[in-house]
Each structure stands twice: as C-alpha cells, then as structure tokens.
N, C-alpha and C. Protein backbone atom coordinates (compact mmCIF):
# COMPACT_ATOMS: atom_id res chain seq x y z
N MET A 1 15.82 10.31 -4.00
CA MET A 1 14.87 9.42 -3.36
C MET A 1 14.11 8.63 -4.43
N LYS A 2 14.03 7.33 -4.22
CA LYS A 2 13.33 6.47 -5.17
C LYS A 2 11.82 6.64 -5.03
N ASP A 3 11.14 6.52 -6.15
CA ASP A 3 9.68 6.51 -6.09
C ASP A 3 9.20 5.08 -6.33
N LEU A 4 7.92 4.89 -6.30
CA LEU A 4 7.34 3.55 -6.44
C LEU A 4 7.76 2.90 -7.75
N LYS A 5 7.77 3.66 -8.82
CA LYS A 5 8.17 3.12 -10.13
C LYS A 5 9.59 2.57 -10.07
N ASP A 6 10.52 3.33 -9.49
CA ASP A 6 11.92 2.89 -9.40
C ASP A 6 12.04 1.59 -8.61
N ILE A 7 11.31 1.51 -7.52
CA ILE A 7 11.36 0.30 -6.68
C ILE A 7 10.86 -0.91 -7.46
N LEU A 8 9.75 -0.75 -8.18
CA LEU A 8 9.21 -1.86 -8.97
C LEU A 8 10.13 -2.23 -10.12
N LEU A 9 10.76 -1.25 -10.74
CA LEU A 9 11.75 -1.53 -11.79
C LEU A 9 12.90 -2.35 -11.23
N ASP A 10 13.38 -1.96 -10.05
CA ASP A 10 14.47 -2.70 -9.39
C ASP A 10 14.07 -4.14 -9.09
N LYS A 11 12.79 -4.38 -8.91
CA LYS A 11 12.30 -5.74 -8.62
C LYS A 11 12.00 -6.52 -9.90
N GLY A 12 12.32 -5.92 -11.06
CA GLY A 12 12.18 -6.63 -12.32
C GLY A 12 10.90 -6.40 -13.09
N TRP A 13 10.04 -5.50 -12.64
CA TRP A 13 8.79 -5.23 -13.34
C TRP A 13 9.02 -4.20 -14.44
N ASP A 14 8.33 -4.34 -15.55
CA ASP A 14 8.36 -3.37 -16.64
C ASP A 14 7.26 -2.35 -16.34
N VAL A 15 7.65 -1.20 -15.81
CA VAL A 15 6.69 -0.23 -15.29
C VAL A 15 6.78 1.09 -16.06
N SER A 16 5.62 1.62 -16.39
CA SER A 16 5.51 2.96 -16.97
C SER A 16 4.38 3.67 -16.27
N THR A 17 4.43 4.98 -16.28
CA THR A 17 3.34 5.75 -15.69
C THR A 17 2.40 6.23 -16.80
N VAL A 18 1.20 6.55 -16.40
CA VAL A 18 0.22 7.08 -17.34
C VAL A 18 0.75 8.37 -17.96
N THR A 19 1.36 9.21 -17.16
CA THR A 19 1.90 10.47 -17.67
C THR A 19 2.96 10.23 -18.73
N GLU A 20 3.84 9.25 -18.51
CA GLU A 20 4.88 8.94 -19.51
C GLU A 20 4.26 8.48 -20.82
N LYS A 21 3.24 7.67 -20.75
CA LYS A 21 2.67 7.07 -21.95
C LYS A 21 1.64 7.95 -22.64
N LEU A 22 0.88 8.73 -21.86
CA LEU A 22 -0.24 9.48 -22.44
C LEU A 22 -0.08 10.99 -22.39
N GLY A 23 0.80 11.49 -21.56
CA GLY A 23 0.98 12.93 -21.44
C GLY A 23 0.58 13.43 -20.07
N SER A 24 0.93 14.68 -19.80
CA SER A 24 0.75 15.21 -18.45
C SER A 24 -0.56 15.97 -18.24
N THR A 25 -1.28 16.26 -19.31
CA THR A 25 -2.53 17.00 -19.12
C THR A 25 -3.62 16.09 -18.58
N LYS A 26 -4.57 16.71 -17.91
CA LYS A 26 -5.69 15.94 -17.36
C LYS A 26 -6.47 15.23 -18.47
N GLU A 27 -6.63 15.91 -19.58
CA GLU A 27 -7.35 15.32 -20.71
C GLU A 27 -6.61 14.10 -21.25
N ALA A 28 -5.29 14.19 -21.35
CA ALA A 28 -4.50 13.07 -21.87
C ALA A 28 -4.58 11.86 -20.94
N ARG A 29 -4.69 12.13 -19.64
CA ARG A 29 -4.72 11.05 -18.64
C ARG A 29 -6.14 10.66 -18.24
N SER A 30 -7.09 10.92 -19.09
CA SER A 30 -8.50 10.60 -18.78
C SER A 30 -8.68 9.09 -18.68
N ASP A 31 -9.72 8.69 -17.97
CA ASP A 31 -10.03 7.27 -17.84
C ASP A 31 -10.20 6.62 -19.21
N GLU A 32 -10.86 7.32 -20.10
CA GLU A 32 -11.10 6.78 -21.45
C GLU A 32 -9.78 6.50 -22.17
N ASN A 33 -8.84 7.44 -22.09
CA ASN A 33 -7.54 7.25 -22.74
C ASN A 33 -6.73 6.13 -22.08
N ILE A 34 -6.80 6.03 -20.77
CA ILE A 34 -6.10 4.95 -20.06
C ILE A 34 -6.69 3.61 -20.47
N LEU A 35 -8.01 3.54 -20.50
CA LEU A 35 -8.70 2.31 -20.90
C LEU A 35 -8.30 1.91 -22.32
N ARG A 36 -8.36 2.84 -23.24
CA ARG A 36 -8.03 2.56 -24.64
C ARG A 36 -6.57 2.10 -24.76
N TYR A 37 -5.65 2.83 -24.12
CA TYR A 37 -4.23 2.48 -24.20
C TYR A 37 -3.97 1.08 -23.63
N SER A 38 -4.58 0.79 -22.49
CA SER A 38 -4.35 -0.52 -21.86
C SER A 38 -4.90 -1.66 -22.71
N GLN A 39 -6.00 -1.42 -23.41
CA GLN A 39 -6.55 -2.44 -24.31
C GLN A 39 -5.64 -2.63 -25.52
N GLU A 40 -5.16 -1.52 -26.09
CA GLU A 40 -4.32 -1.59 -27.29
C GLU A 40 -2.97 -2.25 -27.01
N THR A 41 -2.44 -2.07 -25.82
CA THR A 41 -1.10 -2.57 -25.49
C THR A 41 -1.12 -3.78 -24.57
N ASN A 42 -2.30 -4.24 -24.22
CA ASN A 42 -2.46 -5.36 -23.28
C ASN A 42 -1.72 -5.07 -21.97
N SER A 43 -1.84 -3.84 -21.50
CA SER A 43 -1.18 -3.42 -20.26
C SER A 43 -2.05 -3.75 -19.05
N LEU A 44 -1.40 -3.97 -17.95
CA LEU A 44 -2.08 -4.15 -16.67
C LEU A 44 -2.09 -2.79 -15.99
N VAL A 45 -3.22 -2.41 -15.40
CA VAL A 45 -3.37 -1.11 -14.76
C VAL A 45 -3.40 -1.29 -13.25
N VAL A 46 -2.63 -0.47 -12.54
CA VAL A 46 -2.66 -0.45 -11.07
C VAL A 46 -3.34 0.86 -10.67
N THR A 47 -4.40 0.76 -9.86
CA THR A 47 -5.15 1.96 -9.49
C THR A 47 -5.81 1.81 -8.12
N VAL A 48 -6.13 2.95 -7.53
CA VAL A 48 -6.89 2.98 -6.28
C VAL A 48 -8.32 3.46 -6.52
N ASP A 49 -8.64 3.77 -7.76
CA ASP A 49 -9.94 4.32 -8.15
C ASP A 49 -10.96 3.18 -8.33
N LYS A 50 -11.81 2.97 -7.31
CA LYS A 50 -12.75 1.84 -7.32
C LYS A 50 -13.70 1.83 -8.53
N PRO A 51 -14.34 2.96 -8.85
CA PRO A 51 -15.23 2.92 -10.02
C PRO A 51 -14.48 2.58 -11.31
N PHE A 52 -13.25 3.06 -11.43
CA PHE A 52 -12.46 2.77 -12.62
C PHE A 52 -12.07 1.29 -12.68
N VAL A 53 -11.84 0.68 -11.53
CA VAL A 53 -11.52 -0.75 -11.47
C VAL A 53 -12.64 -1.54 -12.13
N SER A 54 -13.87 -1.24 -11.76
CA SER A 54 -15.03 -1.95 -12.34
C SER A 54 -15.10 -1.76 -13.85
N ARG A 55 -14.87 -0.54 -14.27
CA ARG A 55 -14.92 -0.24 -15.70
C ARG A 55 -13.83 -0.99 -16.46
N LEU A 56 -12.62 -1.00 -15.90
CA LEU A 56 -11.50 -1.71 -16.54
C LEU A 56 -11.80 -3.20 -16.64
N LYS A 57 -12.27 -3.77 -15.54
CA LYS A 57 -12.56 -5.22 -15.52
C LYS A 57 -13.63 -5.57 -16.53
N SER A 58 -14.68 -4.76 -16.60
CA SER A 58 -15.77 -5.06 -17.54
C SER A 58 -15.32 -4.92 -18.99
N ALA A 59 -14.25 -4.15 -19.22
CA ALA A 59 -13.70 -3.99 -20.57
C ALA A 59 -12.63 -5.05 -20.87
N GLY A 60 -12.39 -5.94 -19.91
CA GLY A 60 -11.41 -7.01 -20.13
C GLY A 60 -9.97 -6.63 -19.88
N VAL A 61 -9.76 -5.51 -19.21
CA VAL A 61 -8.40 -5.06 -18.89
C VAL A 61 -7.96 -5.67 -17.57
N LYS A 62 -6.72 -6.15 -17.54
CA LYS A 62 -6.17 -6.68 -16.29
C LYS A 62 -5.90 -5.51 -15.36
N VAL A 63 -6.30 -5.66 -14.10
CA VAL A 63 -6.17 -4.54 -13.17
C VAL A 63 -5.76 -5.04 -11.78
N VAL A 64 -4.91 -4.27 -11.14
CA VAL A 64 -4.58 -4.49 -9.73
C VAL A 64 -5.21 -3.33 -8.97
N ALA A 65 -6.17 -3.66 -8.13
CA ALA A 65 -6.89 -2.64 -7.36
C ALA A 65 -6.29 -2.56 -5.97
N LEU A 66 -5.81 -1.39 -5.61
CA LEU A 66 -5.29 -1.16 -4.27
C LEU A 66 -6.37 -0.48 -3.45
N ALA A 67 -6.66 -1.05 -2.30
CA ALA A 67 -7.71 -0.52 -1.43
C ALA A 67 -7.10 0.01 -0.14
N LEU A 68 -7.92 0.74 0.59
CA LEU A 68 -7.50 1.25 1.89
C LEU A 68 -7.07 0.11 2.81
N GLU A 69 -7.74 -1.03 2.68
CA GLU A 69 -7.41 -2.19 3.50
C GLU A 69 -5.99 -2.68 3.21
N ASP A 70 -5.57 -2.59 1.94
CA ASP A 70 -4.20 -2.98 1.57
C ASP A 70 -3.18 -2.10 2.27
N LYS A 71 -3.44 -0.80 2.25
CA LYS A 71 -2.53 0.14 2.92
C LYS A 71 -2.51 -0.12 4.42
N ALA A 72 -3.67 -0.36 5.01
CA ALA A 72 -3.75 -0.61 6.46
C ALA A 72 -3.00 -1.88 6.83
N ARG A 73 -3.11 -2.93 6.01
CA ARG A 73 -2.42 -4.19 6.28
C ARG A 73 -0.90 -3.98 6.27
N ILE A 74 -0.41 -3.24 5.28
CA ILE A 74 1.02 -2.98 5.17
C ILE A 74 1.51 -2.18 6.37
N ILE A 75 0.78 -1.14 6.74
CA ILE A 75 1.16 -0.31 7.89
C ILE A 75 1.14 -1.14 9.16
N ASN A 76 0.12 -1.97 9.33
CA ASN A 76 0.01 -2.83 10.51
C ASN A 76 1.22 -3.77 10.61
N GLU A 77 1.61 -4.38 9.49
CA GLU A 77 2.76 -5.29 9.50
C GLU A 77 4.04 -4.55 9.87
N LYS A 78 4.22 -3.36 9.33
CA LYS A 78 5.43 -2.59 9.64
C LYS A 78 5.44 -2.13 11.10
N LEU A 79 4.29 -1.73 11.61
CA LEU A 79 4.21 -1.35 13.02
C LEU A 79 4.54 -2.53 13.92
N ALA A 80 4.02 -3.69 13.58
CA ALA A 80 4.28 -4.89 14.38
C ALA A 80 5.77 -5.21 14.39
N ARG A 81 6.42 -5.11 13.23
CA ARG A 81 7.87 -5.36 13.17
C ARG A 81 8.63 -4.34 13.99
N CYS A 82 8.22 -3.09 13.91
CA CYS A 82 8.88 -2.01 14.65
C CYS A 82 8.77 -2.25 16.15
N ILE A 83 7.60 -2.66 16.60
CA ILE A 83 7.38 -2.92 18.02
C ILE A 83 8.26 -4.06 18.49
N LEU A 84 8.34 -5.13 17.69
CA LEU A 84 9.14 -6.29 18.08
C LEU A 84 10.62 -5.96 18.09
N VAL A 85 11.07 -5.09 17.20
CA VAL A 85 12.48 -4.70 17.18
C VAL A 85 12.81 -3.87 18.42
N ASP A 86 11.89 -3.00 18.83
CA ASP A 86 12.13 -2.14 19.98
C ASP A 86 12.09 -2.88 21.31
N MET A 87 11.45 -4.04 21.33
CA MET A 87 11.33 -4.79 22.59
C MET A 87 12.60 -5.59 22.83
N ASP A 88 12.90 -5.86 24.07
CA ASP A 88 14.04 -6.70 24.42
C ASP A 88 13.58 -8.15 24.38
N ILE A 89 13.54 -8.69 23.17
CA ILE A 89 12.99 -10.02 22.97
C ILE A 89 13.83 -11.10 23.66
N LYS A 90 15.13 -10.89 23.76
CA LYS A 90 16.00 -11.90 24.36
C LYS A 90 15.61 -12.21 25.80
N ASN A 91 15.11 -11.22 26.51
CA ASN A 91 14.76 -11.40 27.92
C ASN A 91 13.26 -11.55 28.14
N SER A 92 12.50 -11.73 27.07
CA SER A 92 11.04 -11.84 27.19
C SER A 92 10.58 -13.22 26.76
N THR A 93 9.59 -13.72 27.46
CA THR A 93 8.97 -14.98 27.03
C THR A 93 7.99 -14.67 25.90
N ASP A 94 7.57 -15.71 25.20
CA ASP A 94 6.59 -15.52 24.13
C ASP A 94 5.31 -14.88 24.67
N ASP A 95 4.88 -15.32 25.85
CA ASP A 95 3.66 -14.76 26.45
C ASP A 95 3.83 -13.28 26.75
N GLU A 96 5.01 -12.87 27.21
CA GLU A 96 5.25 -11.46 27.51
C GLU A 96 5.24 -10.62 26.23
N VAL A 97 5.85 -11.15 25.18
CA VAL A 97 5.86 -10.44 23.90
C VAL A 97 4.43 -10.27 23.39
N LEU A 98 3.64 -11.34 23.42
CA LEU A 98 2.25 -11.26 22.96
C LEU A 98 1.43 -10.32 23.82
N ASP A 99 1.65 -10.33 25.13
CA ASP A 99 0.94 -9.44 26.04
C ASP A 99 1.28 -7.98 25.73
N ASP A 100 2.57 -7.68 25.55
CA ASP A 100 2.98 -6.31 25.22
C ASP A 100 2.39 -5.87 23.89
N PHE A 101 2.42 -6.76 22.90
CA PHE A 101 1.88 -6.42 21.60
C PHE A 101 0.38 -6.16 21.69
N SER A 102 -0.34 -6.97 22.45
CA SER A 102 -1.78 -6.78 22.62
C SER A 102 -2.09 -5.45 23.29
N LYS A 103 -1.28 -5.07 24.28
CA LYS A 103 -1.49 -3.79 24.96
C LYS A 103 -1.30 -2.63 23.98
N ILE A 104 -0.26 -2.71 23.17
CA ILE A 104 0.02 -1.64 22.22
C ILE A 104 -1.08 -1.58 21.17
N LYS A 105 -1.47 -2.75 20.66
CA LYS A 105 -2.50 -2.80 19.63
C LYS A 105 -3.84 -2.27 20.14
N SER A 106 -4.15 -2.52 21.42
CA SER A 106 -5.43 -2.09 21.97
C SER A 106 -5.43 -0.62 22.37
N GLY A 107 -4.26 0.00 22.39
CA GLY A 107 -4.17 1.41 22.79
C GLY A 107 -3.87 1.60 24.25
N GLU A 108 -3.76 0.50 25.01
CA GLU A 108 -3.49 0.60 26.44
C GLU A 108 -2.16 1.30 26.69
N ALA A 109 -1.17 1.01 25.87
CA ALA A 109 0.15 1.61 26.06
C ALA A 109 0.09 3.13 25.89
N SER A 110 -0.67 3.60 24.90
CA SER A 110 -0.76 5.05 24.70
C SER A 110 -1.52 5.71 25.83
N ARG A 111 -2.53 5.04 26.37
CA ARG A 111 -3.26 5.61 27.51
C ARG A 111 -2.34 5.66 28.73
N MET A 112 -1.51 4.63 28.91
CA MET A 112 -0.58 4.63 30.04
C MET A 112 0.43 5.76 29.87
N ALA A 113 0.90 5.97 28.64
CA ALA A 113 1.87 7.03 28.39
C ALA A 113 1.25 8.39 28.67
N GLN A 114 -0.01 8.55 28.33
CA GLN A 114 -0.67 9.83 28.60
C GLN A 114 -0.79 10.08 30.09
N LYS A 115 -1.09 9.05 30.86
CA LYS A 115 -1.22 9.20 32.31
C LYS A 115 0.12 9.58 32.93
N ASN A 116 1.18 8.93 32.49
CA ASN A 116 2.49 9.17 33.07
C ASN A 116 3.09 10.51 32.66
N SER A 117 2.71 11.03 31.52
CA SER A 117 3.31 12.27 31.04
C SER A 117 2.64 13.50 31.62
N GLY A 118 1.50 13.36 32.26
CA GLY A 118 0.73 14.51 32.74
C GLY A 118 0.99 14.78 34.12
C-alpha cells in the first residue's frame, strides 16, 4: 500500500520525511531540529501543527499548513462525487440531481433511512 510520500513522489515531488532526515527518536524530530534543518537546506515543511506553522513562518521557512478545513473540503468533494456516481444521472434532470444532493447534504436522506429501517 502506498503512503503519502510515495504518492507525492509519483507526482514528481522531491519528498523526504523528518524521520528519514533527522532520525526516529522524539528528540531528533524536535521542532527545533526540524526548524534548523529546514533553514540549512532551504526545505519546505508540510505540517498540521498550527503553533509550529507560526514559528516556521517567523523564521523565514516555507511552510504548507494543513488544517482541519482542508481535510473537510477533500472529504466533502469525494462524498459529492460518490453520491453523483451512485445516482442514475442519465434519467435525472439537473434539478432532481441538485434536490437529491441537497437532501443528502442536509441529512434528510439519513433521517428517512432511519425511519424506513425501524
């Protein structure tokens, strides 16, 4: 099974992990060591650690900050695609597709399923 690093490598990015570059111990992977390494090598850091993002930016390190909102947006897009694939779009008008999507997004579909299953 591919991990995130493998996928990014396949897309042409030069990717390394903190563990590969600094070691596997907690001390080796400390924020201070990551900051120092990224400054010395002009590396870009990808992290979900909000306080560390601020520290990296103030030290002049390029950073990609991933937030909960980013994850939610990706999941929402994938759910929307999944819903559209499962629907019989060929026999539905645009209004019907939008109506069905709105029902699912609002939770009406799950409430209807709960009523019918009981």
